[in-house]
Structure formats: C-alpha cells, structure tokens
Amino acid sequence: MRLLSLRPQLNPIIVREVRTRMRGVRPYAILTVFLLLLSAVAYMFYQLMMQQARMGMTLMSAHVGQGLFNGLALCEIFLVVFLAPALTSGAISGEREQLTYDMLLATPLSPTRILWGKLIGALSYLLLLIVAAVPIFSVVLMFGGVEPRTMLKALALLLTTTLTFGMVGLTCSALLRRTSRATLVSYIAILLLLASTTLPAVVWGQFSNPIGQMPPPWLVYLNPFSAVFSLTNVSFNTEISSYYGYFDSFAGLPVATLLAPGVLYYGPNGQVLMPTYRATMICFLALTLLLGWLSTHLVLPRRRWWPRLFDLGFALLFAAGLGLAYLARNWWYLAPPVV
C-alpha cells in the first residue's frame, strides 16, 4: 500500500478536461473535417507546383516535396497560432464566471499544478490534431527533399508554438475576469507580435543600405511562420557573395522568401548555414516560462506579488536556462559574418 501511495498521480484537472472535451461526436467530427481539409491543402499545393512545371519551369521531385511540406506546415502553424489562445483564454476566467474558482483554489493543488493542468487540458485536443496530421505529412517523403528528422523538427516546433501561444491565452485568462475580454486581449497581443516581426521583415529591403538587403535574423526570431519556412527553404550557393541563400518552394511568393532568412556561420569546421527555427524554439520556451511565472501569481486571490519559495526556484531555473542558452549560442544564435 505504501508503494502504491508513492506512485505519481496524474493531474486531476487534466483528466477532467480531457474527459469533458472528448465526449460526444463533435470532437471526432472536427478531427475528420480537419484531416480532410489538410489533405485538400496538400492536393492544392501539388496542383500549384504541377502548373508551374507545365509552364516550363524546371521542377524536381525534391522541390515538390519541399513545397508540400511547407504548405502543410504553414497550415498547421496557422491553426496553432489562432486556435490555441481561443482554447485557453477561458480556462481561469471561465471558472470565475461559473463561481467555481474559489472551490478550485481550496483543493490541495498548488497554483502551478492548476495552471499547467488547465493549459495541458485545454490544449490536449489541439495536440491530438497535430499528432493525427503526421501520416499526411509523411506523404512528402515519397517525393524527397525532406528528411524524416526535418519532420521531427517541425513537430517539435509545432508543440513549442502550441504551448507558447496557449500560455498567452492562459495569462490573459488569469489577468482578466471575463472570457470575452481575455480572448480579445490575447488575440490583440498575438496580432501585435506577428505584425511587429512580419511587417519590418517585408519592408526591410526598401529601407536598407544598399537597397534590397535581406532582414537580419533576429528580427523574425519570434515569428513562427519564419521558423516553419526556415526548416527547408534555406540553401547555400557559394557563387553568391551575400550570406543569405534560399530555395523558394512557392516559386515567386516574396513574403515566403522574406520570412525565411538564414545566415552563414563561420565555425571551426568551415561555413555552416543555420536556419532560424532553433532560436525561435528557445525564445518561445523562455517566453512560456516567463508567462507561466506571471500567471502563477495572477491566479492567487490575494497577496499576489508577495515573494515565495517558488519564485526562488523559478529564478534559479530561468538563470540555468539562460546559462545553457549562452553556452550553446554557436548552435542557435544567428549573427551575420564580419566582412
């Protein structure tokens, strides 16, 4: 009996949220429609690239594979960015509106377990959609141009983005008492984040000196669409003097090219081209931890900002993470070479 009592227990909030969300026919109908739409998107991009081949453009099988992969990944990241906040923005404010928030705080669960239980429980269905789309993504392996490890990187990026944007909605839900206000504020914050990274990257070449320069990599570190494009779109040509190089699998969409900057790094083994998704994942993880710490204080009914032992543990953990990121800066930090 003592051994059974020492067995780790699953967060009861996660159990309740998963059971509630998976009841009835609706969740499975949404999953079926989502997979059908994703298949239609893959077919649309395939026909788009075949049309380019019929117009005389040189198109290899690897180009088709990269184009399909980028189209599917873009569709998935769009789903994550705009659906994750909607699932989490009512996690805490909904409890307050239903007058069950005080009973939740009266349970033996700590504020940290309440928050992470609400986050994982609210995002569980979205995580199911991401995992269910893996077989459709595997179709691109028949065309080549995308390695299995690239698919694993895309899956890791999708999961990281899901947690980060879900935490944005959860923080707004803990801050505001109305679900409608929390949803509105979370979407405003996300749109500001995307606009502050996308628009400067698009117009950077018009104001650079000389004109036509690619945007610096740090400008799009917090842009998930840039990270998706950088998984396969970055290539290097030794005949080009610039340190940026691309293969545009969308063949002519300038925004797609501008959102995928890569940089040539001069390391001990020579020239290495590094995409931006590594920095994006690190920045998203740091942002998730910061928002989680902030939400842990916001869920408290009183004395929210009194220092606690949890704050010391978080500070040590965050400092350790920053130290590891600094030691691994040659792996993720993208800086233009000195010329």
Protein backbone atom coordinates (compact mmCIF):
# COMPACT_ATOMS: atom_id res chain seq x y z
CA MET A 1 0.00 0.00 0.00
CA ARG A 2 2.86 2.36 0.76
CA LEU A 3 4.35 1.70 -2.68
CA LEU A 4 1.00 2.50 -4.29
CA SER A 5 0.82 5.79 -2.40
CA LEU A 6 4.23 6.78 -3.74
CA ARG A 7 3.10 6.29 -7.34
CA PRO A 8 2.94 9.64 -9.20
CA GLN A 9 -0.63 10.79 -9.69
CA LEU A 10 -1.88 12.36 -12.89
CA ASN A 11 -3.10 15.93 -12.55
CA PRO A 12 -6.87 15.63 -11.93
CA ILE A 13 -7.54 18.83 -13.87
CA ILE A 14 -6.02 17.27 -16.99
CA VAL A 15 -8.16 14.16 -16.51
CA ARG A 16 -11.33 16.21 -16.13
CA GLU A 17 -10.59 18.48 -19.10
CA VAL A 18 -9.75 15.59 -21.43
CA ARG A 19 -12.85 13.62 -20.46
CA THR A 20 -15.06 16.67 -20.89
CA ARG A 21 -13.66 17.68 -24.28
CA MET A 22 -13.75 14.19 -25.81
CA ARG A 23 -17.41 13.48 -25.07
CA GLY A 24 -19.90 13.14 -27.90
CA VAL A 25 -19.48 13.04 -31.67
CA ARG A 26 -18.33 16.63 -32.16
CA PRO A 27 -14.58 16.19 -31.35
CA TYR A 28 -14.27 13.29 -33.79
CA ALA A 29 -16.23 15.11 -36.48
CA ILE A 30 -13.92 18.12 -36.15
CA LEU A 31 -10.89 15.81 -36.37
CA THR A 32 -12.24 14.20 -39.55
CA VAL A 33 -13.01 17.56 -41.19
CA PHE A 34 -9.57 18.88 -40.23
CA LEU A 35 -7.78 15.91 -41.81
CA LEU A 36 -9.89 16.25 -44.97
CA LEU A 37 -9.07 19.96 -45.22
CA LEU A 38 -5.37 19.25 -44.69
CA SER A 39 -5.49 16.67 -47.47
CA ALA A 40 -7.20 19.21 -49.73
CA VAL A 41 -4.47 21.77 -48.94
CA ALA A 42 -1.79 19.22 -49.88
CA TYR A 43 -3.56 18.48 -53.15
CA MET A 44 -3.91 22.21 -53.90
CA PHE A 45 -0.18 22.85 -53.42
CA TYR A 46 0.63 19.80 -55.53
CA GLN A 47 -1.50 21.11 -58.38
CA LEU A 48 0.08 24.56 -57.98
CA MET A 49 3.55 23.16 -58.45
CA MET A 50 2.44 20.96 -61.36
CA GLN A 51 1.05 24.07 -63.03
CA GLN A 52 4.47 25.69 -62.71
CA ALA A 53 6.03 22.63 -64.38
CA ARG A 54 3.52 22.81 -67.24
CA MET A 55 4.50 26.46 -67.77
CA GLY A 56 8.10 25.42 -68.43
CA MET A 57 9.66 25.90 -65.00
CA THR A 58 12.32 23.37 -64.05
CA LEU A 59 10.87 21.37 -61.20
CA MET A 60 12.47 18.39 -59.49
CA SER A 61 10.81 15.87 -57.22
CA ALA A 62 12.62 17.33 -54.20
CA HIS A 63 11.09 20.73 -54.95
CA VAL A 64 7.62 19.18 -54.89
CA GLY A 65 8.35 17.52 -51.56
CA GLN A 66 9.55 20.76 -50.02
CA GLY A 67 6.59 22.69 -51.39
CA LEU A 68 4.09 20.19 -49.99
CA PHE A 69 5.86 20.13 -46.65
CA ASN A 70 5.93 23.92 -46.37
CA GLY A 71 2.28 24.20 -47.34
CA LEU A 72 1.16 21.62 -44.78
CA ALA A 73 3.40 23.03 -42.05
CA LEU A 74 2.13 26.54 -42.76
CA CYS A 75 -1.46 25.32 -42.46
CA GLU A 76 -0.68 23.61 -39.15
CA ILE A 77 1.16 26.60 -37.66
CA PHE A 78 -1.71 28.87 -38.70
CA LEU A 79 -4.10 26.55 -36.85
CA VAL A 80 -1.90 26.59 -33.74
CA VAL A 81 -1.38 30.35 -33.65
CA PHE A 82 -5.04 31.29 -33.93
CA LEU A 83 -6.72 28.36 -32.17
CA ALA A 84 -4.51 27.85 -29.09
CA PRO A 85 -5.46 31.20 -27.44
CA ALA A 86 -9.15 30.51 -28.03
CA LEU A 87 -8.85 27.20 -26.16
CA THR A 88 -7.03 28.64 -23.14
CA SER A 89 -8.40 32.18 -22.78
CA GLY A 90 -11.38 30.88 -20.81
CA ALA A 91 -9.51 28.43 -18.59
CA ILE A 92 -9.35 30.65 -15.48
CA SER A 93 -11.88 33.36 -16.32
CA GLY A 94 -14.46 30.65 -17.09
CA GLU A 95 -14.05 29.27 -13.56
CA ARG A 96 -14.62 32.77 -12.18
CA GLU A 97 -17.73 33.28 -14.30
CA GLN A 98 -19.16 29.94 -13.13
CA LEU A 99 -18.30 30.79 -9.48
CA THR A 100 -16.16 27.67 -9.11
CA TYR A 101 -12.82 29.43 -8.87
CA ASP A 102 -12.78 29.58 -5.05
CA MET A 103 -13.52 25.87 -4.82
CA LEU A 104 -10.65 25.17 -7.20
CA LEU A 105 -8.25 27.15 -5.03
CA ALA A 106 -9.48 25.29 -1.95
CA THR A 107 -8.24 21.97 -3.36
CA PRO A 108 -4.79 20.63 -2.37
CA LEU A 109 -3.49 21.52 -5.84
CA SER A 110 -0.85 24.25 -5.95
CA PRO A 111 -1.32 27.25 -8.30
CA THR A 112 1.40 25.81 -10.55
CA ARG A 113 -0.41 22.47 -10.91
CA ILE A 114 -3.69 24.27 -11.52
CA LEU A 115 -2.19 26.37 -14.29
CA TRP A 116 -0.34 23.58 -16.08
CA GLY A 117 -3.33 21.29 -15.68
CA LYS A 118 -5.57 23.89 -17.29
CA LEU A 119 -3.01 24.53 -20.06
CA ILE A 120 -2.43 20.89 -21.00
CA GLY A 121 -6.10 20.04 -20.60
CA ALA A 122 -7.21 22.90 -22.85
CA LEU A 123 -4.55 22.15 -25.48
CA SER A 124 -4.97 18.37 -25.40
CA TYR A 125 -7.38 18.36 -28.33
CA LEU A 126 -5.15 20.66 -30.37
CA LEU A 127 -2.20 18.37 -29.65
CA LEU A 128 -4.33 15.49 -30.90
CA LEU A 129 -4.93 17.32 -34.18
CA ILE A 130 -1.20 17.89 -34.61
CA VAL A 131 -0.30 14.25 -33.99
CA ALA A 132 -3.14 13.00 -36.22
CA ALA A 133 -1.71 15.02 -39.14
CA VAL A 134 1.64 13.19 -39.03
CA PRO A 135 0.55 10.48 -41.55
CA ILE A 136 -0.42 13.17 -44.04
CA PHE A 137 2.97 14.84 -43.57
CA SER A 138 4.69 11.51 -44.26
CA VAL A 139 3.39 11.61 -47.85
CA VAL A 140 6.08 14.18 -48.71
CA LEU A 141 8.75 11.55 -48.07
CA MET A 142 7.78 9.89 -51.37
CA PHE A 143 8.91 12.99 -53.28
CA GLY A 144 12.15 13.55 -51.36
CA GLY A 145 13.65 16.91 -50.42
CA VAL A 146 12.53 16.49 -46.80
CA GLU A 147 14.25 14.17 -44.36
CA PRO A 148 12.44 12.37 -41.52
CA ARG A 149 14.40 14.41 -38.99
CA THR A 150 13.02 17.57 -40.61
CA MET A 151 9.52 16.31 -39.88
CA LEU A 152 10.53 15.71 -36.27
CA LYS A 153 11.86 19.27 -36.10
CA ALA A 154 8.58 20.58 -37.48
CA LEU A 155 6.65 18.54 -34.89
CA ALA A 156 8.84 19.93 -32.08
CA LEU A 157 8.31 23.47 -33.41
CA LEU A 158 4.53 22.94 -33.56
CA LEU A 159 4.42 21.64 -29.98
CA THR A 160 6.56 24.52 -28.71
CA THR A 161 4.42 27.08 -30.53
CA THR A 162 1.26 25.45 -29.14
CA LEU A 163 2.50 25.78 -25.56
CA THR A 164 3.64 29.38 -26.05
CA PHE A 165 0.51 30.75 -27.70
CA GLY A 166 -1.66 28.71 -25.38
CA MET A 167 0.16 30.28 -22.44
CA VAL A 168 -0.58 33.73 -23.89
CA GLY A 169 -4.30 32.97 -23.70
CA LEU A 170 -3.95 31.45 -20.23
CA THR A 171 -2.13 34.54 -18.93
CA CYS A 172 -4.88 36.80 -20.27
CA SER A 173 -7.47 34.49 -18.68
CA ALA A 174 -5.73 34.78 -15.30
CA LEU A 175 -5.42 38.54 -15.64
CA LEU A 176 -8.99 39.34 -16.71
CA ARG A 177 -12.25 38.15 -15.17
CA ARG A 178 -14.28 37.92 -18.39
CA THR A 179 -13.60 35.28 -21.04
CA SER A 180 -14.61 37.59 -23.87
CA ARG A 181 -12.13 40.24 -22.73
CA ALA A 182 -9.39 37.66 -22.21
CA THR A 183 -9.92 36.27 -25.72
CA LEU A 184 -9.88 39.73 -27.27
CA VAL A 185 -6.71 40.80 -25.44
CA SER A 186 -4.91 37.55 -26.28
CA TYR A 187 -5.64 37.91 -29.99
CA ILE A 188 -4.56 41.55 -29.94
CA ALA A 189 -1.27 40.54 -28.30
CA ILE A 190 -0.70 37.80 -30.88
CA LEU A 191 -1.51 40.06 -33.83
CA LEU A 192 0.88 42.70 -32.47
CA LEU A 193 3.58 40.06 -32.09
CA LEU A 194 3.14 38.81 -35.65
CA ALA A 195 2.87 42.29 -37.13
CA SER A 196 5.94 43.59 -35.30
CA THR A 197 8.03 40.80 -36.83
CA THR A 198 6.41 40.30 -40.25
CA LEU A 199 5.97 43.88 -41.47
CA PRO A 200 9.56 45.05 -40.73
CA ALA A 201 10.91 41.91 -42.43
CA VAL A 202 8.82 42.56 -45.55
CA VAL A 203 9.80 46.23 -45.93
CA TRP A 204 13.39 45.89 -44.69
CA GLY A 205 14.86 45.72 -48.20
CA GLN A 206 13.19 49.00 -49.20
CA PHE A 207 14.96 50.98 -46.47
CA SER A 208 18.26 49.10 -46.18
CA ASN A 209 21.55 50.50 -47.42
CA PRO A 210 22.15 49.32 -50.09
CA ILE A 211 18.55 48.65 -51.11
CA GLY A 212 17.49 45.03 -51.37
CA GLN A 213 19.25 43.61 -48.31
CA MET A 214 17.59 40.71 -46.52
CA PRO A 215 16.26 41.32 -42.98
CA PRO A 216 18.53 40.40 -40.06
CA PRO A 217 17.69 37.02 -38.50
CA TRP A 218 16.93 38.41 -35.02
CA LEU A 219 14.05 40.39 -36.50
CA VAL A 220 11.98 37.22 -37.02
CA TYR A 221 13.06 35.17 -34.00
CA LEU A 222 9.53 35.40 -32.53
CA ASN A 223 7.75 34.72 -35.83
CA PRO A 224 6.53 31.09 -36.05
CA PHE A 225 5.88 31.35 -39.80
CA SER A 226 9.50 32.30 -40.40
CA ALA A 227 10.64 29.30 -38.36
CA VAL A 228 8.46 26.96 -40.46
CA PHE A 229 9.83 28.30 -43.75
CA SER A 230 13.40 28.09 -42.48
CA LEU A 231 13.13 24.33 -41.93
CA THR A 232 13.57 23.57 -45.65
CA ASN A 233 13.76 26.84 -47.60
CA VAL A 234 17.32 27.79 -46.70
CA SER A 235 20.06 26.76 -49.11
CA PHE A 236 23.57 27.98 -49.78
CA ASN A 237 25.19 28.92 -53.03
CA THR A 238 28.94 29.53 -52.92
CA GLU A 239 28.73 31.71 -56.02
CA ILE A 240 26.58 34.30 -54.21
CA SER A 241 28.54 36.88 -52.24
CA SER A 242 25.67 37.53 -49.81
CA TYR A 243 25.43 35.41 -46.70
CA TYR A 244 21.74 34.71 -47.35
CA GLY A 245 20.54 31.97 -49.68
CA TYR A 246 17.13 30.48 -50.42
CA PHE A 247 15.19 27.97 -52.36
CA ASP A 248 11.68 29.37 -52.78
CA SER A 249 9.42 26.33 -52.96
CA PHE A 250 6.45 28.62 -53.61
CA ALA A 251 8.16 29.98 -56.72
CA GLY A 252 7.53 33.67 -56.63
CA LEU A 253 5.80 34.50 -53.36
CA PRO A 254 8.04 37.29 -51.99
CA VAL A 255 6.67 37.17 -48.45
CA ALA A 256 7.56 33.49 -48.18
CA THR A 257 11.14 34.29 -49.13
CA LEU A 258 11.46 37.30 -46.84
CA LEU A 259 10.23 35.34 -43.85
CA ALA A 260 12.90 32.64 -44.10
CA PRO A 261 16.30 34.28 -43.58
CA GLY A 262 19.28 32.11 -42.92
CA VAL A 263 22.80 33.12 -42.06
CA LEU A 264 26.22 31.78 -42.94
CA TYR A 265 28.21 30.99 -39.81
CA TYR A 266 31.98 30.66 -39.89
CA GLY A 267 32.67 27.89 -37.39
CA PRO A 268 35.68 25.68 -36.70
CA ASN A 269 34.60 23.26 -39.44
CA GLY A 270 34.10 25.93 -42.08
CA GLN A 271 30.92 27.54 -43.39
CA VAL A 272 27.64 26.41 -41.88
CA LEU A 273 24.19 27.72 -42.84
CA MET A 274 21.89 27.90 -39.82
CA PRO A 275 18.09 28.42 -40.01
CA THR A 276 16.09 30.46 -37.51
CA TYR A 277 13.84 27.76 -36.05
CA ARG A 278 16.41 26.94 -33.35
CA ALA A 279 16.37 30.48 -31.99
CA THR A 280 12.58 30.59 -32.31
CA MET A 281 12.13 27.48 -30.18
CA ILE A 282 14.50 28.79 -27.48
CA CYS A 283 12.76 32.18 -27.40
CA PHE A 284 9.34 30.53 -27.24
CA LEU A 285 10.39 28.29 -24.34
CA ALA A 286 11.76 31.30 -22.44
CA LEU A 287 8.55 33.26 -23.13
CA THR A 288 6.45 30.30 -21.94
CA LEU A 289 8.35 30.12 -18.65
CA LEU A 290 8.01 33.86 -18.06
CA LEU A 291 4.28 33.86 -18.78
CA GLY A 292 3.87 30.78 -16.59
CA TRP A 293 5.58 32.52 -13.69
CA LEU A 294 3.41 35.60 -14.21
CA SER A 295 0.23 33.53 -14.38
CA THR A 296 1.14 31.68 -11.18
CA HIS A 297 0.95 34.99 -9.33
CA LEU A 298 -2.14 36.19 -11.17
CA VAL A 299 -4.25 33.19 -10.15
CA LEU A 300 -3.79 33.94 -6.46
CA PRO A 301 -6.81 35.74 -4.95
CA ARG A 302 -4.74 37.91 -2.57
CA ARG A 303 -1.15 38.85 -1.84
CA ARG A 304 -0.30 38.04 -5.42
CA TRP A 305 3.14 39.61 -5.52
CA TRP A 306 4.48 38.54 -2.18
CA PRO A 307 7.79 36.69 -2.68
CA ARG A 308 7.53 32.93 -2.35
CA LEU A 309 9.86 29.96 -2.41
CA PHE A 310 8.53 29.19 -5.88
CA ASP A 311 9.98 32.48 -7.15
CA LEU A 312 13.45 31.49 -5.99
CA GLY A 313 13.15 28.12 -7.74
CA PHE A 314 11.93 29.79 -10.90
CA ALA A 315 14.77 32.33 -10.82
CA LEU A 316 17.35 29.55 -10.46
CA LEU A 317 15.74 27.52 -13.25
CA PHE A 318 15.50 30.50 -15.58
CA ALA A 319 19.09 31.55 -14.85
CA ALA A 320 20.26 27.99 -15.56
CA GLY A 321 18.34 28.04 -18.84
CA LEU A 322 19.91 31.33 -19.86
CA GLY A 323 23.32 29.95 -18.99
CA LEU A 324 22.77 26.87 -21.15
CA ALA A 325 21.50 29.03 -24.00
CA TYR A 326 24.61 31.20 -23.74
CA LEU A 327 26.91 28.17 -23.78
CA ALA A 328 25.06 26.82 -26.85
CA ARG A 329 24.95 30.17 -28.65
CA ASN A 330 27.00 28.82 -31.55
CA TRP A 331 24.16 26.36 -32.21
CA TRP A 332 21.22 28.79 -32.26
CA TYR A 333 22.39 32.42 -32.33
CA LEU A 334 22.38 33.77 -35.87
CA ALA A 335 24.75 36.66 -36.43
CA PRO A 336 25.89 37.95 -39.83
CA PRO A 337 29.55 37.22 -40.54
CA VAL A 338 32.00 40.06 -40.21
CA VAL A 339 33.17 41.21 -43.66
